[in-house]
Amino acid sequence: MTQPPDASPPPPEDGARHGGGASLFGRRIRDRRADIERQVQAQVQATKAQLDATNEKIQQRTGRNLIFAILIGLVGGALLLVSLIVVKEIFMVFAAALAGFAGFEFATALRIAGLRVPRVALTVVGVVLVPAAYYLHASGEWVVAIAGILFLWLWRIAEDVSPSRRVGGPALVRDLVASALAILYVPFLACFSVLLVAQPDGQWWTLAALIVVVSVDTGAYAAGLSFGKHPMAPTISPKKTWEGFAGAAATALIAGVVLAIFMLHAPWWFGLVFGALILVSATVGDLTESLIKRDIGIKDMSSWLPGHGGFLDRLDSILPSVALAYVLYVIFEPLFS
């Protein structure tokens, strides 16, 4: 008797069995990978949104774009270190460029207040004054500064001859006074940095002064942002607080002592003197520029440096501080040698 055929399907080949399992395993892997990618993308977007929100809050509190400010500060600091440590003449070129840009920027800002300071002439004087101070020292700086003032005066008087630019009388006198002050405020003070660098081991004193200024700015920024409640000079700079000044004082004194011992090879007590005096000069320089901008009616000297404003907005604390550092070098360095 013939048996009926088996109705059950034949068993799958080994390849088919394994192929189906492999296909299911592959789909699970792809789904898992897609799920991980979605989670990572969501986390990245959330982090970016949080950083943007934090940066926006900081910008509203301080008026600065923190990211741009940090990037520009790092680049500028790297260039400064290379120019100071490698070849002093490179720092001279660096300082001349800054003096020229800052002078042009300051003269442009003064025009908003109705003061016409020759921009090209001030830029030329700033660029020439720096190498004069480096090679001719203090006496040469004074001679070139006086010659620069006379040069600006002659330039401005020559402009007044033109009927389209003629102001005459008190307005011309105000322009001449503003021209002299512009030279003394920007390139003349900037030249003390190269005067100091030109001295034996002067580059370390210059670098120490700059580090203390940065410490003052950082300490004031951090403490003011975290604890600032009591305005320091509300009519001049509303964002500055006494809490920020306290933070600046702490960082300045600590930086001064550390730098005095390890960089200037001076006693620790000189670090306290150095840090305290640079704290005062940096704060006065900052408030002075804030007062000038307030009188002119502007927030920043320019917008050339995103997150910082203009060149002079970054040099306001440095200019009087390097001049003070030069005086301290002349007085104290012979005692420590």
C-alpha atoms as a PDB file:
ATOM      1  CA  MET A   1       0.000   0.000   0.000  1.00  0.00           C
ATOM      2  CA  THR A   2       1.366   3.382  -1.000  1.00  0.00           C
ATOM      3  CA  GLN A   3       1.863   5.838   1.826  1.00  0.00           C
ATOM      4  CA  PRO A   4       0.581   9.438   1.341  1.00  0.00           C
ATOM      5  CA  PRO A   5       3.172  12.052   0.718  1.00  0.00           C
ATOM      6  CA  ASP A   6       4.342  14.132   3.691  1.00  0.00           C
ATOM      7  CA  ALA A   7       2.417  17.462   3.681  1.00  0.00           C
ATOM      8  CA  SER A   8       4.937  19.310   5.838  1.00  0.00           C
ATOM      9  CA  PRO A   9       7.366  21.575   3.961  1.00  0.00           C
ATOM     10  CA  PRO A  10      10.896  20.441   3.608  1.00  0.00           C
ATOM     11  CA  PRO A  11      13.316  21.768   6.213  1.00  0.00           C
ATOM     12  CA  PRO A  12      15.051  24.959   5.104  1.00  0.00           C
ATOM     13  CA  GLU A  13      18.550  24.818   3.952  1.00  0.00           C
ATOM     14  CA  ASP A  14      21.190  25.805   6.480  1.00  0.00           C
ATOM     15  CA  GLY A  15      21.930  28.996   4.552  1.00  0.00           C
ATOM     16  CA  ALA A  16      18.273  30.038   4.580  1.00  0.00           C
ATOM     17  CA  ARG A  17      17.993  29.404   8.328  1.00  0.00           C
ATOM     18  CA  HIS A  18      21.127  31.360   9.082  1.00  0.00           C
ATOM     19  CA  GLY A  19      20.288  34.043   6.509  1.00  0.00           C
ATOM     20  CA  GLY A  20      16.962  34.820   8.168  1.00  0.00           C
ATOM     21  CA  GLY A  21      18.609  35.056  11.569  1.00  0.00           C
ATOM     22  CA  ALA A  22      21.375  37.236  10.225  1.00  0.00           C
ATOM     23  CA  SER A  23      18.854  39.532   8.544  1.00  0.00           C
ATOM     24  CA  LEU A  24      16.909  39.930  11.783  1.00  0.00           C
ATOM     25  CA  PHE A  25      20.127  40.566  13.728  1.00  0.00           C
ATOM     26  CA  GLY A  26      21.231  43.153  11.159  1.00  0.00           C
ATOM     27  CA  ARG A  27      17.922  45.013  11.405  1.00  0.00           C
ATOM     28  CA  ARG A  28      18.247  45.109  15.176  1.00  0.00           C
ATOM     29  CA  ILE A  29      21.789  46.476  14.909  1.00  0.00           C
ATOM     30  CA  ARG A  30      20.676  49.175  12.437  1.00  0.00           C
ATOM     31  CA  ASP A  31      17.710  50.132  14.608  1.00  0.00           C
ATOM     32  CA  ARG A  32      19.922  50.311  17.670  1.00  0.00           C
ATOM     33  CA  ARG A  33      22.496  52.426  15.841  1.00  0.00           C
ATOM     34  CA  ALA A  34      19.796  54.799  14.579  1.00  0.00           C
ATOM     35  CA  ASP A  35      18.413  55.080  18.094  1.00  0.00           C
ATOM     36  CA  ILE A  36      21.882  55.915  19.469  1.00  0.00           C
ATOM     37  CA  GLU A  37      22.423  58.488  16.707  1.00  0.00           C
ATOM     38  CA  ARG A  38      19.096  60.134  17.546  1.00  0.00           C
ATOM     39  CA  GLN A  39      19.986  60.255  21.228  1.00  0.00           C
ATOM     40  CA  VAL A  40      23.434  61.717  20.522  1.00  0.00           C
ATOM     41  CA  GLN A  41      21.973  64.307  18.138  1.00  0.00           C
ATOM     42  CA  ALA A  42      19.332  65.275  20.691  1.00  0.00           C
ATOM     43  CA  GLN A  43      21.996  65.575  23.396  1.00  0.00           C
ATOM     44  CA  VAL A  44      24.210  67.711  21.147  1.00  0.00           C
ATOM     45  CA  GLN A  45      21.308  70.017  20.309  1.00  0.00           C
ATOM     46  CA  ALA A  46      20.348  70.282  23.969  1.00  0.00           C
ATOM     47  CA  THR A  47      23.946  71.060  24.960  1.00  0.00           C
ATOM     48  CA  LYS A  48      24.265  73.651  22.187  1.00  0.00           C
ATOM     49  CA  ALA A  49      20.992  75.265  23.242  1.00  0.00           C
ATOM     50  CA  GLN A  50      22.186  75.346  26.844  1.00  0.00           C
ATOM     51  CA  LEU A  51      25.520  76.895  25.860  1.00  0.00           C
ATOM     52  CA  ASP A  52      23.759  79.480  23.669  1.00  0.00           C
ATOM     53  CA  ALA A  53      21.396  80.350  26.501  1.00  0.00           C
ATOM     54  CA  THR A  54      24.282  80.655  28.972  1.00  0.00           C
ATOM     55  CA  ASN A  55      26.295  82.782  26.543  1.00  0.00           C
ATOM     56  CA  GLU A  56      23.258  85.000  25.946  1.00  0.00           C
ATOM     57  CA  LYS A  57      22.808  85.524  29.690  1.00  0.00           C
ATOM     58  CA  ILE A  58      26.496  86.378  30.067  1.00  0.00           C
ATOM     59  CA  GLN A  59      26.313  88.729  27.098  1.00  0.00           C
ATOM     60  CA  GLN A  60      23.279  90.475  28.575  1.00  0.00           C
ATOM     61  CA  ARG A  61      25.080  90.815  31.915  1.00  0.00           C
ATOM     62  CA  THR A  62      28.463  91.921  30.594  1.00  0.00           C
ATOM     63  CA  GLY A  63      27.720  93.196  27.096  1.00  0.00           C
ATOM     64  CA  ARG A  64      30.280  90.812  25.538  1.00  0.00           C
ATOM     65  CA  ASN A  65      30.161  87.705  23.379  1.00  0.00           C
ATOM     66  CA  LEU A  66      32.102  85.289  25.580  1.00  0.00           C
ATOM     67  CA  ILE A  67      33.103  82.819  22.854  1.00  0.00           C
ATOM     68  CA  PHE A  68      34.526  85.437  20.499  1.00  0.00           C
ATOM     69  CA  ALA A  69      36.190  87.209  23.404  1.00  0.00           C
ATOM     70  CA  ILE A  70      37.968  84.042  24.534  1.00  0.00           C
ATOM     71  CA  LEU A  71      39.109  83.092  21.023  1.00  0.00           C
ATOM     72  CA  ILE A  72      40.489  86.543  20.246  1.00  0.00           C
ATOM     73  CA  GLY A  73      42.116  86.697  23.666  1.00  0.00           C
ATOM     74  CA  LEU A  74      43.865  83.361  23.121  1.00  0.00           C
ATOM     75  CA  VAL A  75      45.148  84.358  19.681  1.00  0.00           C
ATOM     76  CA  GLY A  76      46.336  87.740  20.899  1.00  0.00           C
ATOM     77  CA  GLY A  77      47.986  86.195  23.941  1.00  0.00           C
ATOM     78  CA  ALA A  78      49.826  83.631  21.813  1.00  0.00           C
ATOM     79  CA  LEU A  79      51.164  86.333  19.482  1.00  0.00           C
ATOM     80  CA  LEU A  80      52.219  88.417  22.460  1.00  0.00           C
ATOM     81  CA  LEU A  81      54.096  85.551  24.098  1.00  0.00           C
ATOM     82  CA  VAL A  82      55.948  84.694  20.907  1.00  0.00           C
ATOM     83  CA  SER A  83      56.927  88.307  20.290  1.00  0.00           C
ATOM     84  CA  LEU A  84      58.120  88.850  23.867  1.00  0.00           C
ATOM     85  CA  ILE A  85      60.035  85.617  24.409  1.00  0.00           C
ATOM     86  CA  VAL A  86      61.495  84.870  20.963  1.00  0.00           C
ATOM     87  CA  VAL A  87      62.704  88.195  19.520  1.00  0.00           C
ATOM     88  CA  LYS A  88      62.194  91.568  21.173  1.00  0.00           C
ATOM     89  CA  GLU A  89      62.058  93.347  17.817  1.00  0.00           C
ATOM     90  CA  ILE A  90      58.957  91.325  16.938  1.00  0.00           C
ATOM     91  CA  PHE A  91      57.253  92.787  19.999  1.00  0.00           C
ATOM     92  CA  MET A  92      58.236  96.261  18.816  1.00  0.00           C
ATOM     93  CA  VAL A  93      56.480  95.634  15.492  1.00  0.00           C
ATOM     94  CA  PHE A  94      53.495  94.180  17.351  1.00  0.00           C
ATOM     95  CA  ALA A  95      53.294  97.229  19.636  1.00  0.00           C
ATOM     96  CA  ALA A  96      53.664  99.663  16.715  1.00  0.00           C
ATOM     97  CA  ALA A  97      50.775  98.010  14.886  1.00  0.00           C
ATOM     98  CA  LEU A  98      48.569  98.176  17.995  1.00  0.00           C
ATOM     99  CA  ALA A  99      49.483 101.817  18.621  1.00  0.00           C
ATOM    100  CA  GLY A 100      48.636 102.692  15.021  1.00  0.00           C
ATOM    101  CA  PHE A 101      45.288 100.888  15.022  1.00  0.00           C
ATOM    102  CA  ALA A 102      44.314 102.218  18.454  1.00  0.00           C
ATOM    103  CA  GLY A 103      45.250 105.772  17.480  1.00  0.00           C
ATOM    104  CA  PHE A 104      43.182 105.642  14.302  1.00  0.00           C
ATOM    105  CA  GLU A 105      40.295 104.129  16.249  1.00  0.00           C
ATOM    106  CA  PHE A 106      40.459 106.809  18.964  1.00  0.00           C
ATOM    107  CA  ALA A 107      40.563 109.658  16.450  1.00  0.00           C
ATOM    108  CA  THR A 108      37.548 108.169  14.654  1.00  0.00           C
ATOM    109  CA  ALA A 109      35.589 107.931  17.917  1.00  0.00           C
ATOM    110  CA  LEU A 110      36.417 111.544  18.820  1.00  0.00           C
ATOM    111  CA  ARG A 111      34.740 112.731  15.625  1.00  0.00           C
ATOM    112  CA  ILE A 112      31.431 111.551  17.028  1.00  0.00           C
ATOM    113  CA  ALA A 113      31.940 114.150  19.769  1.00  0.00           C
ATOM    114  CA  GLY A 114      32.712 116.821  17.172  1.00  0.00           C
ATOM    115  CA  LEU A 115      36.487 116.764  17.730  1.00  0.00           C
ATOM    116  CA  ARG A 116      38.496 116.489  14.530  1.00  0.00           C
ATOM    117  CA  VAL A 117      41.830 114.823  15.251  1.00  0.00           C
ATOM    118  CA  PRO A 118      43.767 113.956  12.058  1.00  0.00           C
ATOM    119  CA  ARG A 119      43.450 110.190  11.848  1.00  0.00           C
ATOM    120  CA  VAL A 120      46.182 109.472   9.334  1.00  0.00           C
ATOM    121  CA  ALA A 121      48.640 111.765  11.101  1.00  0.00           C
ATOM    122  CA  LEU A 122      47.905 110.194  14.500  1.00  0.00           C
ATOM    123  CA  THR A 123      48.370 106.707  13.034  1.00  0.00           C
ATOM    124  CA  VAL A 124      51.732 107.709  11.533  1.00  0.00           C
ATOM    125  CA  VAL A 125      52.907 109.229  14.812  1.00  0.00           C
ATOM    126  CA  GLY A 126      51.843 106.110  16.706  1.00  0.00           C
ATOM    127  CA  VAL A 127      53.751 103.794  14.380  1.00  0.00           C
ATOM    128  CA  VAL A 128      56.893 105.987  14.398  1.00  0.00           C
ATOM    129  CA  LEU A 129      56.883 106.655  18.139  1.00  0.00           C
ATOM    130  CA  VAL A 130      57.220 102.987  19.114  1.00  0.00           C
ATOM    131  CA  PRO A 131      60.550 102.207  17.381  1.00  0.00           C
ATOM    132  CA  ALA A 132      61.835 105.620  18.486  1.00  0.00           C
ATOM    133  CA  ALA A 133      61.202 104.645  22.089  1.00  0.00           C
ATOM    134  CA  TYR A 134      62.787 101.222  21.564  1.00  0.00           C
ATOM    135  CA  TYR A 135      65.997 102.454  19.935  1.00  0.00           C
ATOM    136  CA  LEU A 136      66.312 105.975  21.398  1.00  0.00           C
ATOM    137  CA  HIS A 137      64.921 105.138  24.860  1.00  0.00           C
ATOM    138  CA  ALA A 138      63.039 107.591  27.095  1.00  0.00           C
ATOM    139  CA  SER A 139      64.671 110.783  25.832  1.00  0.00           C
ATOM    140  CA  GLY A 140      63.923 109.807  22.249  1.00  0.00           C
ATOM    141  CA  GLU A 141      60.317 109.034  23.113  1.00  0.00           C
ATOM    142  CA  TRP A 142      59.798 112.518  24.556  1.00  0.00           C
ATOM    143  CA  VAL A 143      61.421 114.210  21.566  1.00  0.00           C
ATOM    144  CA  VAL A 144      59.374 112.231  19.043  1.00  0.00           C
ATOM    145  CA  ALA A 145      56.186 112.739  21.089  1.00  0.00           C
ATOM    146  CA  ILE A 146      56.644 116.515  21.097  1.00  0.00           C
ATOM    147  CA  ALA A 147      57.485 116.446  17.394  1.00  0.00           C
ATOM    148  CA  GLY A 148      54.372 114.324  16.834  1.00  0.00           C
ATOM    149  CA  ILE A 149      52.172 116.848  18.608  1.00  0.00           C
ATOM    150  CA  LEU A 150      53.568 119.658  16.449  1.00  0.00           C
ATOM    151  CA  PHE A 151      53.031 117.479  13.367  1.00  0.00           C
ATOM    152  CA  LEU A 152      49.373 116.927  14.250  1.00  0.00           C
ATOM    153  CA  TRP A 153      48.880 120.614  14.965  1.00  0.00           C
ATOM    154  CA  LEU A 154      50.338 121.642  11.612  1.00  0.00           C
ATOM    155  CA  TRP A 155      48.226 118.994   9.862  1.00  0.00           C
ATOM    156  CA  ARG A 156      45.055 120.197  11.569  1.00  0.00           C
ATOM    157  CA  ILE A 157      45.806 123.881  10.875  1.00  0.00           C
ATOM    158  CA  ALA A 158      46.469 123.014   7.235  1.00  0.00           C
ATOM    159  CA  GLU A 159      43.066 121.284   7.105  1.00  0.00           C
ATOM    160  CA  ASP A 160      41.431 124.396   8.516  1.00  0.00           C
ATOM    161  CA  VAL A 161      42.659 126.382   5.542  1.00  0.00           C
ATOM    162  CA  SER A 162      40.215 124.465   3.329  1.00  0.00           C
ATOM    163  CA  PRO A 163      36.811 126.212   3.282  1.00  0.00           C
ATOM    164  CA  SER A 164      34.990 122.874   3.574  1.00  0.00           C
ATOM    165  CA  ARG A 165      36.822 121.975   6.803  1.00  0.00           C
ATOM    166  CA  ARG A 166      37.251 125.408   8.328  1.00  0.00           C
ATOM    167  CA  VAL A 167      36.010 125.765  11.883  1.00  0.00           C
ATOM    168  CA  GLY A 168      38.294 128.429  13.284  1.00  0.00           C
ATOM    169  CA  GLY A 169      38.339 129.987  16.725  1.00  0.00           C
ATOM    170  CA  PRO A 170      37.511 127.891  19.817  1.00  0.00           C
ATOM    171  CA  ALA A 171      36.617 124.789  17.775  1.00  0.00           C
ATOM    172  CA  LEU A 172      40.095 124.716  16.234  1.00  0.00           C
ATOM    173  CA  VAL A 173      41.699 125.141  19.661  1.00  0.00           C
ATOM    174  CA  ARG A 174      39.655 122.196  20.985  1.00  0.00           C
ATOM    175  CA  ASP A 175      40.839 120.077  18.062  1.00  0.00           C
ATOM    176  CA  LEU A 176      44.472 120.990  18.752  1.00  0.00           C
ATOM    177  CA  VAL A 177      44.132 120.140  22.445  1.00  0.00           C
ATOM    178  CA  ALA A 178      42.395 116.860  21.602  1.00  0.00           C
ATOM    179  CA  SER A 179      45.197 116.005  19.158  1.00  0.00           C
ATOM    180  CA  ALA A 180      47.851 116.485  21.831  1.00  0.00           C
ATOM    181  CA  LEU A 181      45.889 114.443  24.362  1.00  0.00           C
ATOM    182  CA  ALA A 182      45.313 111.688  21.792  1.00  0.00           C
ATOM    183  CA  ILE A 183      49.070 111.286  21.316  1.00  0.00           C
ATOM    184  CA  LEU A 184      49.760 111.264  25.052  1.00  0.00           C
ATOM    185  CA  TYR A 185      46.903 108.873  25.802  1.00  0.00           C
ATOM    186  CA  VAL A 186      47.480 106.197  23.162  1.00  0.00           C
ATOM    187  CA  PRO A 187      50.908 105.941  21.489  1.00  0.00           C
ATOM    188  CA  PHE A 188      52.909 107.699  24.208  1.00  0.00           C
ATOM    189  CA  LEU A 189      51.658 105.357  26.952  1.00  0.00           C
ATOM    190  CA  ALA A 190      51.989 102.363  24.627  1.00  0.00           C
ATOM    191  CA  CYS A 191      55.676 103.175  24.145  1.00  0.00           C
ATOM    192  CA  PHE A 192      56.456 102.424  27.780  1.00  0.00           C
ATOM    193  CA  SER A 193      55.954  98.753  26.963  1.00  0.00           C
ATOM    194  CA  VAL A 194      58.801  98.787  24.416  1.00  0.00           C
ATOM    195  CA  LEU A 195      60.895 101.000  26.697  1.00  0.00           C
ATOM    196  CA  LEU A 196      60.579  98.271  29.306  1.00  0.00           C
ATOM    197  CA  VAL A 197      61.203  95.439  26.843  1.00  0.00           C
ATOM    198  CA  ALA A 198      64.391  97.147  25.661  1.00  0.00           C
ATOM    199  CA  GLN A 199      65.865  96.904  29.184  1.00  0.00           C
ATOM    200  CA  PRO A 200      67.799  93.842  30.400  1.00  0.00           C
ATOM    201  CA  ASP A 201      65.186  91.252  31.401  1.00  0.00           C
ATOM    202  CA  GLY A 202      62.577  93.910  30.749  1.00  0.00           C
ATOM    203  CA  GLN A 203      60.475  91.498  28.725  1.00  0.00           C
ATOM    204  CA  TRP A 204      59.722  89.555  31.908  1.00  0.00           C
ATOM    205  CA  TRP A 205      58.569  92.708  33.682  1.00  0.00           C
ATOM    206  CA  THR A 206      56.356  93.564  30.740  1.00  0.00           C
ATOM    207  CA  LEU A 207      54.920  90.062  30.677  1.00  0.00           C
ATOM    208  CA  ALA A 208      54.367  90.152  34.443  1.00  0.00           C
ATOM    209  CA  ALA A 209      52.473  93.432  34.184  1.00  0.00           C
ATOM    210  CA  LEU A 210      50.292  92.049  31.398  1.00  0.00           C
ATOM    211  CA  ILE A 211      49.563  88.869  33.372  1.00  0.00           C
ATOM    212  CA  VAL A 212      48.498  90.902  36.399  1.00  0.00           C
ATOM    213  CA  VAL A 213      46.247  93.058  34.201  1.00  0.00           C
ATOM    214  CA  VAL A 214      44.646  89.912  32.787  1.00  0.00           C
ATOM    215  CA  SER A 215      44.266  88.583  36.347  1.00  0.00           C
ATOM    216  CA  VAL A 216      42.540  91.822  37.372  1.00  0.00           C
ATOM    217  CA  ASP A 217      40.174  91.609  34.422  1.00  0.00           C
ATOM    218  CA  THR A 218      39.459  87.909  34.996  1.00  0.00           C
ATOM    219  CA  GLY A 219      38.958  88.255  38.736  1.00  0.00           C
ATOM    220  CA  ALA A 220      36.627  91.226  38.312  1.00  0.00           C
ATOM    221  CA  TYR A 221      34.693  89.430  35.581  1.00  0.00           C
ATOM    222  CA  ALA A 222      34.216  86.198  37.537  1.00  0.00           C
ATOM    223  CA  ALA A 223      33.432  87.787  40.898  1.00  0.00           C
ATOM    224  CA  GLY A 224      31.208  90.461  39.394  1.00  0.00           C
ATOM    225  CA  LEU A 225      29.275  87.925  37.343  1.00  0.00           C
ATOM    226  CA  SER A 226      28.798  85.606  40.314  1.00  0.00           C
ATOM    227  CA  PHE A 227      28.355  87.986  43.241  1.00  0.00           C
ATOM    228  CA  GLY A 228      28.106  91.514  41.852  1.00  0.00           C
ATOM    229  CA  LYS A 229      25.357  93.542  43.519  1.00  0.00           C
ATOM    230  CA  HIS A 230      26.807  96.900  44.570  1.00  0.00           C
ATOM    231  CA  PRO A 231      27.773  99.221  41.665  1.00  0.00           C
ATOM    232  CA  MET A 232      31.241 100.692  41.892  1.00  0.00           C
ATOM    233  CA  ALA A 233      30.829 103.651  39.532  1.00  0.00           C
ATOM    234  CA  PRO A 234      27.245 103.540  38.217  1.00  0.00           C
ATOM    235  CA  THR A 235      27.427 106.808  36.293  1.00  0.00           C
ATOM    236  CA  ILE A 236      30.651 105.806  34.493  1.00  0.00           C
ATOM    237  CA  SER A 237      30.457 102.018  34.138  1.00  0.00           C
ATOM    238  CA  PRO A 238      27.215 100.494  35.474  1.00  0.00           C
ATOM    239  CA  LYS A 239      28.415  96.888  35.151  1.00  0.00           C
ATOM    240  CA  LYS A 240      31.393  97.288  37.496  1.00  0.00           C
ATOM    241  CA  THR A 241      30.740  96.294  41.103  1.00  0.00           C
ATOM    242  CA  TRP A 242      32.627  96.361  44.383  1.00  0.00           C
ATOM    243  CA  GLU A 243      32.364  92.582  44.517  1.00  0.00           C
ATOM    244  CA  GLY A 244      34.097  92.448  41.150  1.00  0.00           C
ATOM    245  CA  PHE A 245      36.799  94.810  42.420  1.00  0.00           C
ATOM    246  CA  ALA A 246      37.332  92.542  45.433  1.00  0.00           C
ATOM    247  CA  GLY A 247      37.781  89.568  43.118  1.00  0.00           C
ATOM    248  CA  ALA A 248      40.206  91.593  41.004  1.00  0.00           C
ATOM    249  CA  ALA A 249      42.202  92.556  44.109  1.00  0.00           C
ATOM    250  CA  ALA A 250      42.504  88.944  45.249  1.00  0.00           C
ATOM    251  CA  THR A 251      43.706  87.668  41.880  1.00  0.00           C
ATOM    252  CA  ALA A 252      46.060  90.627  41.395  1.00  0.00           C
ATOM    253  CA  LEU A 253      47.793  90.101  44.746  1.00  0.00           C
ATOM    254  CA  ILE A 254      48.113  86.353  44.243  1.00  0.00           C
ATOM    255  CA  ALA A 255      49.449  86.785  40.707  1.00  0.00           C
ATOM    256  CA  GLY A 256      51.813  89.531  41.881  1.00  0.00           C
ATOM    257  CA  VAL A 257      53.408  87.362  44.568  1.00  0.00           C
ATOM    258  CA  VAL A 258      53.754  84.333  42.280  1.00  0.00           C
ATOM    259  CA  LEU A 259      55.248  86.392  39.448  1.00  0.00           C
ATOM    260  CA  ALA A 260      57.610  88.265  41.760  1.00  0.00           C
ATOM    261  CA  ILE A 261      59.068  85.032  43.119  1.00  0.00           C
ATOM    262  CA  PHE A 262      59.214  82.897  39.982  1.00  0.00           C
ATOM    263  CA  MET A 263      59.500  85.403  37.117  1.00  0.00           C
ATOM    264  CA  LEU A 264      61.028  88.625  38.460  1.00  0.00           C
ATOM    265  CA  HIS A 265      63.212  86.931  41.115  1.00  0.00           C
ATOM    266  CA  ALA A 266      62.103  89.531  43.634  1.00  0.00           C
ATOM    267  CA  PRO A 267      60.967  89.216  47.278  1.00  0.00           C
ATOM    268  CA  TRP A 268      57.396  88.156  47.925  1.00  0.00           C
ATOM    269  CA  TRP A 269      56.522  91.521  49.468  1.00  0.00           C
ATOM    270  CA  PHE A 270      57.333  93.231  46.187  1.00  0.00           C
ATOM    271  CA  GLY A 271      54.697  91.006  44.591  1.00  0.00           C
ATOM    272  CA  LEU A 272      52.098  92.546  46.886  1.00  0.00           C
ATOM    273  CA  VAL A 273      53.273  96.042  45.948  1.00  0.00           C
ATOM    274  CA  PHE A 274      53.395  95.161  42.254  1.00  0.00           C
ATOM    275  CA  GLY A 275      49.965  93.518  42.255  1.00  0.00           C
ATOM    276  CA  ALA A 276      48.305  96.301  44.271  1.00  0.00           C
ATOM    277  CA  LEU A 277      49.686  99.121  42.111  1.00  0.00           C
ATOM    278  CA  ILE A 278      48.827  97.353  38.847  1.00  0.00           C
ATOM    279  CA  LEU A 279      45.333  96.755  40.243  1.00  0.00           C
ATOM    280  CA  VAL A 280      44.924 100.504  40.766  1.00  0.00           C
ATOM    281  CA  SER A 281      46.391 101.478  37.381  1.00  0.00           C
ATOM    282  CA  ALA A 282      44.314  98.900  35.503  1.00  0.00           C
ATOM    283  CA  THR A 283      41.113  99.963  37.255  1.00  0.00           C
ATOM    284  CA  VAL A 284      41.800 103.667  36.683  1.00  0.00           C
ATOM    285  CA  GLY A 285      42.620 103.005  33.033  1.00  0.00           C
ATOM    286  CA  ASP A 286      39.414 101.031  32.560  1.00  0.00           C
ATOM    287  CA  LEU A 287      37.265 103.694  34.235  1.00  0.00           C
ATOM    288  CA  THR A 288      39.003 106.486  32.307  1.00  0.00           C
ATOM    289  CA  GLU A 289      38.182 104.914  28.966  1.00  0.00           C
ATOM    290  CA  SER A 290      34.625 104.226  30.151  1.00  0.00           C
ATOM    291  CA  LEU A 291      34.280 107.912  31.046  1.00  0.00           C
ATOM    292  CA  ILE A 292      35.594 108.950  27.624  1.00  0.00           C
ATOM    293  CA  LYS A 293      33.151 106.631  25.863  1.00  0.00           C
ATOM    294  CA  ARG A 294      30.306 107.882  28.051  1.00  0.00           C
ATOM    295  CA  ASP A 295      31.099 111.499  27.175  1.00  0.00           C
ATOM    296  CA  ILE A 296      31.305 110.622  23.486  1.00  0.00           C
ATOM    297  CA  GLY A 297      28.097 108.576  23.688  1.00  0.00           C
ATOM    298  CA  ILE A 298      29.371 105.202  22.430  1.00  0.00           C
ATOM    299  CA  LYS A 299      29.516 101.696  23.885  1.00  0.00           C
ATOM    300  CA  ASP A 300      32.782 100.563  22.240  1.00  0.00           C
ATOM    301  CA  MET A 301      35.593 102.419  20.504  1.00  0.00           C
ATOM    302  CA  SER A 302      34.962 100.267  17.427  1.00  0.00           C
ATOM    303  CA  SER A 303      33.722  96.827  16.402  1.00  0.00           C
ATOM    304  CA  TRP A 304      37.006  95.556  14.964  1.00  0.00           C
ATOM    305  CA  LEU A 305      37.417  92.844  17.625  1.00  0.00           C
ATOM    306  CA  PRO A 306      34.227  90.776  18.058  1.00  0.00           C
ATOM    307  CA  GLY A 307      33.485  90.188  21.711  1.00  0.00           C
ATOM    308  CA  HIS A 308      35.942  92.898  22.776  1.00  0.00           C
ATOM    309  CA  GLY A 309      34.890  96.027  20.898  1.00  0.00           C
ATOM    310  CA  GLY A 310      37.958  97.833  19.631  1.00  0.00           C
ATOM    311  CA  PHE A 311      41.713  97.743  20.186  1.00  0.00           C
ATOM    312  CA  LEU A 312      41.544 100.540  22.726  1.00  0.00           C
ATOM    313  CA  ASP A 313      38.849  98.671  24.638  1.00  0.00           C
ATOM    314  CA  ARG A 314      41.466  95.960  25.279  1.00  0.00           C
ATOM    315  CA  LEU A 315      44.328  98.379  25.891  1.00  0.00           C
ATOM    316  CA  ASP A 316      42.570 100.696  28.339  1.00  0.00           C
ATOM    317  CA  SER A 317      43.896  98.880  31.416  1.00  0.00           C
ATOM    318  CA  ILE A 318      47.225  97.969  29.833  1.00  0.00           C
ATOM    319  CA  LEU A 319      48.387 101.437  28.769  1.00  0.00           C
ATOM    320  CA  PRO A 320      48.777 102.983  32.239  1.00  0.00           C
ATOM    321  CA  SER A 321      49.887  99.657  33.716  1.00  0.00           C
ATOM    322  CA  VAL A 322      52.917  99.228  31.444  1.00  0.00           C
ATOM    323  CA  ALA A 323      53.923 102.822  32.178  1.00  0.00           C
ATOM    324  CA  LEU A 324      53.724 102.051  35.899  1.00  0.00           C
ATOM    325  CA  ALA A 325      55.642  98.793  35.408  1.00  0.00           C
ATOM    326  CA  TYR A 326      58.456 100.758  33.718  1.00  0.00           C
ATOM    327  CA  VAL A 327      58.656 103.132  36.700  1.00  0.00           C
ATOM    328  CA  LEU A 328      58.733 100.174  39.112  1.00  0.00           C
ATOM    329  CA  TYR A 329      61.496  98.559  37.054  1.00  0.00           C
ATOM    330  CA  VAL A 330      63.632 101.698  37.186  1.00  0.00           C
ATOM    331  CA  ILE A 331      63.177 101.996  40.967  1.00  0.00           C
ATOM    332  CA  PHE A 332      63.301  98.388  42.168  1.00  0.00           C
ATOM    333  CA  GLU A 333      65.198  96.306  39.601  1.00  0.00           C
ATOM    334  CA  PRO A 334      68.642  97.586  40.696  1.00  0.00           C
ATOM    335  CA  LEU A 335      67.785  96.500  44.244  1.00  0.00           C
ATOM    336  CA  PHE A 336      67.079  92.926  43.167  1.00  0.00           C
ATOM    337  CA  SER A 337      70.044  92.474  40.813  1.00  0.00           C
END
